[in-house]
């Protein structure tokens, strides 16, 4: 499979997984070029979302070795699903209490 086709498939797979989880509307997913320290570029799967301090981005490098980048990418967001779906006020409470977004569900039970 050509790299462009693999990139397109990875993007579609990630969007489908986030859609099935009910959070695609909270994450903008794209393929981007990320500059490395040596000046070269690599392709990454990027997910932009609204964080406590504004826009945040999570990326996963797209390797062409048959690994499932979309699943790894999805894992980051599904781990934070409850936090992503929380109100800005709830997110701020979590932030101020030092609660990591991945552990928001447990903290939210006490709100």
N, C-alpha and C. Protein backbone atom coordinates (compact mmCIF):
# COMPACT_ATOMS: atom_id res chain seq x y z
N UNK A 1 0.84 -1.17 0.00
CA UNK A 1 0.00 0.00 0.00
C UNK A 1 0.89 1.24 0.00
N UNK A 2 0.58 2.22 -0.82
CA UNK A 2 1.34 3.46 -0.91
C UNK A 2 1.20 4.25 0.40
N UNK A 3 2.21 5.05 0.72
CA UNK A 3 2.18 5.82 1.96
C UNK A 3 0.95 6.72 2.05
N UNK A 4 0.58 7.38 0.96
CA UNK A 4 -0.61 8.24 0.98
C UNK A 4 -1.85 7.43 1.30
N UNK A 5 -1.97 6.25 0.69
CA UNK A 5 -3.13 5.41 0.96
C UNK A 5 -3.13 4.94 2.42
N UNK A 6 -1.95 4.62 2.94
CA UNK A 6 -1.85 4.21 4.33
C UNK A 6 -2.22 5.37 5.26
N UNK A 7 -1.76 6.56 4.94
CA UNK A 7 -2.12 7.74 5.73
C UNK A 7 -3.63 7.95 5.73
N UNK A 8 -4.24 7.87 4.54
CA UNK A 8 -5.69 8.05 4.43
C UNK A 8 -6.44 6.99 5.22
N UNK A 9 -5.97 5.74 5.15
CA UNK A 9 -6.62 4.66 5.89
C UNK A 9 -6.47 4.86 7.39
N UNK A 10 -5.29 5.30 7.83
CA UNK A 10 -5.05 5.56 9.24
C UNK A 10 -5.96 6.67 9.74
N UNK A 11 -6.09 7.73 8.97
CA UNK A 11 -6.97 8.84 9.32
C UNK A 11 -8.42 8.37 9.42
N UNK A 12 -8.87 7.63 8.43
CA UNK A 12 -10.25 7.13 8.44
C UNK A 12 -10.49 6.17 9.61
N UNK A 13 -9.54 5.30 9.89
CA UNK A 13 -9.67 4.37 11.00
C UNK A 13 -9.79 5.12 12.33
N UNK A 14 -8.96 6.14 12.52
CA UNK A 14 -8.99 6.91 13.76
C UNK A 14 -10.33 7.64 13.90
N UNK A 15 -10.79 8.24 12.83
CA UNK A 15 -12.07 8.95 12.89
C UNK A 15 -13.22 7.98 13.19
N UNK A 16 -13.17 6.79 12.60
CA UNK A 16 -14.22 5.80 12.84
C UNK A 16 -14.23 5.35 14.30
N UNK A 17 -13.07 5.10 14.87
CA UNK A 17 -12.99 4.69 16.27
C UNK A 17 -13.52 5.78 17.21
N UNK A 18 -13.15 7.02 16.94
CA UNK A 18 -13.62 8.13 17.78
C UNK A 18 -15.12 8.34 17.59
N UNK A 19 -15.61 8.16 16.38
CA UNK A 19 -17.04 8.27 16.11
C UNK A 19 -17.81 7.20 16.89
N UNK A 20 -17.33 5.97 16.84
CA UNK A 20 -17.99 4.87 17.56
C UNK A 20 -17.99 5.10 19.07
N UNK A 21 -16.98 5.80 19.58
CA UNK A 21 -16.90 6.12 21.01
C UNK A 21 -17.74 7.33 21.38
N UNK A 22 -18.28 8.02 20.37
CA UNK A 22 -19.12 9.19 20.62
C UNK A 22 -18.35 10.46 20.93
N UNK A 23 -17.07 10.52 20.53
CA UNK A 23 -16.27 11.71 20.85
C UNK A 23 -15.61 12.37 19.63
N UNK A 24 -15.95 11.91 18.44
CA UNK A 24 -15.34 12.52 17.25
C UNK A 24 -15.64 14.01 17.17
N UNK A 25 -16.81 14.42 17.63
CA UNK A 25 -17.16 15.85 17.59
C UNK A 25 -16.31 16.69 18.54
N UNK A 26 -15.56 16.05 19.42
CA UNK A 26 -14.71 16.76 20.38
C UNK A 26 -13.24 16.80 19.98
N UNK A 27 -12.89 16.07 18.92
CA UNK A 27 -11.49 15.96 18.49
C UNK A 27 -11.41 16.22 16.98
N UNK A 28 -10.55 17.12 16.58
CA UNK A 28 -10.30 17.37 15.17
C UNK A 28 -9.09 16.52 14.78
N UNK A 29 -9.29 15.59 13.86
CA UNK A 29 -8.26 14.63 13.50
C UNK A 29 -7.71 14.95 12.12
N UNK A 30 -6.38 14.91 11.99
CA UNK A 30 -5.75 15.20 10.70
C UNK A 30 -4.39 14.50 10.62
N UNK A 31 -3.86 14.45 9.42
CA UNK A 31 -2.49 13.99 9.18
C UNK A 31 -1.64 15.24 8.99
N UNK A 32 -0.56 15.32 9.72
CA UNK A 32 0.30 16.51 9.68
C UNK A 32 1.75 16.11 9.50
N UNK A 33 2.56 17.06 9.06
CA UNK A 33 4.01 16.90 9.05
C UNK A 33 4.55 17.47 10.35
N UNK A 34 5.37 16.69 11.05
CA UNK A 34 5.99 17.15 12.28
C UNK A 34 7.49 17.21 12.05
N UNK A 35 8.08 18.37 12.34
CA UNK A 35 9.51 18.54 12.11
C UNK A 35 10.30 17.88 13.24
N UNK A 36 11.30 17.13 12.85
CA UNK A 36 12.19 16.45 13.79
C UNK A 36 13.36 17.38 14.13
N UNK A 37 14.10 17.01 15.16
CA UNK A 37 15.25 17.81 15.57
C UNK A 37 16.29 17.94 14.47
N UNK A 38 16.41 16.93 13.61
CA UNK A 38 17.41 16.98 12.54
C UNK A 38 16.91 17.75 11.32
N UNK A 39 15.71 18.33 11.40
CA UNK A 39 15.18 19.13 10.31
C UNK A 39 14.30 18.36 9.34
N UNK A 40 14.30 17.04 9.43
CA UNK A 40 13.44 16.26 8.54
C UNK A 40 12.00 16.27 9.08
N UNK A 41 11.08 15.87 8.23
CA UNK A 41 9.68 15.80 8.62
C UNK A 41 9.22 14.36 8.69
N UNK A 42 8.27 14.10 9.59
CA UNK A 42 7.63 12.79 9.65
C UNK A 42 6.12 13.01 9.71
N UNK A 43 5.38 12.07 9.21
CA UNK A 43 3.93 12.15 9.23
C UNK A 43 3.42 11.70 10.60
N UNK A 44 2.45 12.46 11.13
CA UNK A 44 1.82 12.10 12.39
C UNK A 44 0.31 12.20 12.25
N UNK A 45 -0.38 11.40 13.03
CA UNK A 45 -1.81 11.50 13.18
C UNK A 45 -2.02 12.47 14.34
N UNK A 46 -2.71 13.58 14.09
CA UNK A 46 -2.86 14.63 15.09
C UNK A 46 -4.32 14.77 15.50
N UNK A 47 -4.53 14.91 16.79
CA UNK A 47 -5.86 15.14 17.33
C UNK A 47 -5.85 16.40 18.15
N UNK A 48 -6.61 17.39 17.71
CA UNK A 48 -6.71 18.67 18.39
C UNK A 48 -8.00 18.68 19.21
N UNK A 49 -7.89 19.16 20.46
CA UNK A 49 -9.06 19.19 21.33
C UNK A 49 -8.96 20.38 22.28
N UNK A 50 -10.08 20.75 22.88
CA UNK A 50 -10.13 21.88 23.78
C UNK A 50 -9.71 21.44 25.18
N UNK A 51 -8.58 21.92 25.63
CA UNK A 51 -8.09 21.61 26.96
C UNK A 51 -8.39 22.74 27.93
N UNK A 52 -7.92 22.62 29.14
CA UNK A 52 -8.16 23.63 30.16
C UNK A 52 -7.54 24.96 29.76
N UNK A 53 -6.34 24.92 29.21
CA UNK A 53 -5.64 26.13 28.84
C UNK A 53 -5.84 26.55 27.39
N UNK A 54 -6.79 25.94 26.70
CA UNK A 54 -7.02 26.25 25.29
C UNK A 54 -6.83 25.01 24.43
N UNK A 55 -6.46 25.24 23.21
CA UNK A 55 -6.30 24.13 22.26
C UNK A 55 -5.08 23.29 22.62
N UNK A 56 -5.28 21.96 22.64
CA UNK A 56 -4.19 21.03 22.87
C UNK A 56 -4.15 20.04 21.72
N UNK A 57 -3.00 19.42 21.51
CA UNK A 57 -2.84 18.47 20.41
C UNK A 57 -2.12 17.23 20.91
N UNK A 58 -2.64 16.07 20.51
CA UNK A 58 -1.98 14.80 20.76
C UNK A 58 -1.59 14.22 19.41
N UNK A 59 -0.38 13.69 19.29
CA UNK A 59 0.06 13.10 18.02
C UNK A 59 0.60 11.69 18.22
N UNK A 60 0.47 10.90 17.18
CA UNK A 60 1.09 9.58 17.10
C UNK A 60 1.82 9.52 15.76
N UNK A 61 3.06 9.09 15.80
CA UNK A 61 3.85 8.94 14.58
C UNK A 61 3.28 7.83 13.73
N UNK A 62 3.17 8.09 12.45
CA UNK A 62 2.70 7.06 11.52
C UNK A 62 3.92 6.32 11.01
N UNK A 63 4.05 5.10 11.47
CA UNK A 63 5.13 4.23 11.02
C UNK A 63 4.57 3.32 9.94
N UNK A 64 5.37 2.96 9.02
CA UNK A 64 4.91 2.16 7.88
C UNK A 64 5.32 0.70 8.03
N UNK A 65 5.11 0.18 9.23
CA UNK A 65 5.52 -1.20 9.52
C UNK A 65 4.33 -2.09 9.83
N UNK A 66 3.12 -1.65 9.47
CA UNK A 66 1.94 -2.46 9.69
C UNK A 66 1.34 -2.34 11.08
N UNK A 67 1.89 -1.46 11.92
CA UNK A 67 1.29 -1.31 13.25
C UNK A 67 0.01 -0.50 13.13
N UNK A 68 -0.82 -0.59 14.13
CA UNK A 68 -2.10 0.08 14.08
C UNK A 68 -2.04 1.39 14.86
N UNK A 69 -1.61 2.42 14.19
CA UNK A 69 -1.46 3.74 14.78
C UNK A 69 -2.81 4.27 15.24
N UNK A 70 -3.87 4.01 14.48
CA UNK A 70 -5.19 4.52 14.83
C UNK A 70 -5.64 3.99 16.19
N UNK A 71 -5.36 2.74 16.49
CA UNK A 71 -5.75 2.17 17.78
C UNK A 71 -4.98 2.80 18.94
N UNK A 72 -3.70 3.03 18.74
CA UNK A 72 -2.89 3.68 19.76
C UNK A 72 -3.37 5.11 19.98
N UNK A 73 -3.63 5.82 18.90
CA UNK A 73 -4.16 7.18 18.94
C UNK A 73 -5.49 7.21 19.70
N UNK A 74 -6.37 6.29 19.35
CA UNK A 74 -7.69 6.17 19.98
C UNK A 74 -7.56 5.92 21.48
N UNK A 75 -6.59 5.12 21.88
CA UNK A 75 -6.40 4.80 23.29
C UNK A 75 -6.18 6.05 24.13
N UNK A 76 -5.43 7.00 23.61
CA UNK A 76 -5.19 8.25 24.32
C UNK A 76 -6.51 8.95 24.61
N UNK A 77 -7.37 9.03 23.60
CA UNK A 77 -8.62 9.77 23.75
C UNK A 77 -9.68 9.00 24.53
N UNK A 78 -9.77 7.70 24.35
CA UNK A 78 -10.78 6.94 25.07
C UNK A 78 -10.45 6.92 26.56
N UNK A 79 -9.17 6.96 26.90
CA UNK A 79 -8.75 7.02 28.31
C UNK A 79 -9.23 8.33 28.95
N UNK A 80 -9.42 9.36 28.15
CA UNK A 80 -9.81 10.68 28.63
C UNK A 80 -11.25 11.04 28.23
N UNK A 81 -12.03 10.06 27.81
CA UNK A 81 -13.38 10.31 27.29
C UNK A 81 -14.23 11.12 28.26
N UNK A 82 -14.29 10.72 29.53
CA UNK A 82 -15.12 11.43 30.50
C UNK A 82 -14.66 12.88 30.67
N UNK A 83 -13.35 13.07 30.65
CA UNK A 83 -12.82 14.43 30.76
C UNK A 83 -13.18 15.26 29.54
N UNK A 84 -13.06 14.68 28.36
CA UNK A 84 -13.41 15.39 27.13
C UNK A 84 -14.87 15.80 27.11
N UNK A 85 -15.73 14.97 27.69
CA UNK A 85 -17.17 15.22 27.68
C UNK A 85 -17.63 16.10 28.85
N UNK A 86 -16.74 16.41 29.77
CA UNK A 86 -17.07 17.22 30.95
C UNK A 86 -17.25 18.68 30.56
N UNK A 87 -17.90 19.42 31.44
CA UNK A 87 -18.05 20.85 31.24
C UNK A 87 -16.71 21.54 31.51
N UNK A 88 -16.53 22.74 30.99
CA UNK A 88 -15.29 23.48 31.30
C UNK A 88 -15.10 23.67 32.80
N UNK A 89 -16.18 23.86 33.53
CA UNK A 89 -16.08 24.05 34.98
C UNK A 89 -15.57 22.76 35.65
N UNK A 90 -16.10 21.61 35.22
CA UNK A 90 -15.64 20.34 35.78
C UNK A 90 -14.17 20.08 35.45
N UNK A 91 -13.77 20.43 34.26
CA UNK A 91 -12.37 20.26 33.87
C UNK A 91 -11.46 21.13 34.73
N UNK A 92 -11.93 22.36 35.01
CA UNK A 92 -11.13 23.27 35.83
C UNK A 92 -10.99 22.75 37.25
N UNK A 93 -12.05 22.18 37.80
CA UNK A 93 -11.98 21.59 39.14
C UNK A 93 -10.93 20.47 39.14
N UNK A 94 -10.97 19.63 38.13
CA UNK A 94 -9.99 18.55 38.02
C UNK A 94 -8.58 19.10 37.91
N UNK A 95 -8.40 20.11 37.07
CA UNK A 95 -7.09 20.73 36.89
C UNK A 95 -6.57 21.30 38.20
N UNK A 96 -7.44 22.04 38.90
CA UNK A 96 -7.02 22.68 40.15
C UNK A 96 -6.73 21.67 41.25
N UNK A 97 -7.35 20.51 41.17
CA UNK A 97 -7.09 19.48 42.18
C UNK A 97 -5.91 18.59 41.81
N UNK A 98 -5.34 18.84 40.62
CA UNK A 98 -4.19 18.06 40.17
C UNK A 98 -4.57 16.70 39.60
N UNK A 99 -5.84 16.52 39.25
CA UNK A 99 -6.31 15.25 38.70
C UNK A 99 -5.95 15.16 37.22
N UNK A 100 -5.27 14.10 36.86
CA UNK A 100 -4.91 13.86 35.45
C UNK A 100 -6.19 13.55 34.68
N UNK A 101 -6.33 14.05 33.45
CA UNK A 101 -7.54 13.78 32.66
C UNK A 101 -7.90 12.30 32.53
N UNK A 102 -6.92 11.43 32.55
CA UNK A 102 -7.20 10.00 32.44
C UNK A 102 -7.91 9.47 33.68
N UNK A 103 -7.81 10.19 34.81
CA UNK A 103 -8.43 9.75 36.06
C UNK A 103 -9.64 10.62 36.43
N UNK A 104 -10.13 11.37 35.46
CA UNK A 104 -11.25 12.29 35.71
C UNK A 104 -12.49 11.56 36.21
N UNK A 105 -12.80 10.41 35.65
CA UNK A 105 -14.02 9.68 36.01
C UNK A 105 -14.07 9.40 37.51
N UNK A 106 -12.95 8.96 38.08
CA UNK A 106 -12.91 8.68 39.51
C UNK A 106 -13.08 9.95 40.33
N UNK A 107 -12.44 11.05 39.91
CA UNK A 107 -12.55 12.31 40.62
C UNK A 107 -13.96 12.86 40.52
N UNK A 108 -14.60 12.71 39.37
CA UNK A 108 -15.93 13.28 39.13
C UNK A 108 -16.98 12.67 40.04
N UNK A 109 -16.76 11.45 40.49
CA UNK A 109 -17.71 10.81 41.39
C UNK A 109 -17.84 11.57 42.70
N UNK A 110 -16.81 12.31 43.06
CA UNK A 110 -16.83 13.04 44.34
C UNK A 110 -17.29 14.49 44.18
N UNK A 111 -17.58 14.92 42.95
CA UNK A 111 -18.04 16.31 42.73
C UNK A 111 -19.51 16.41 43.07
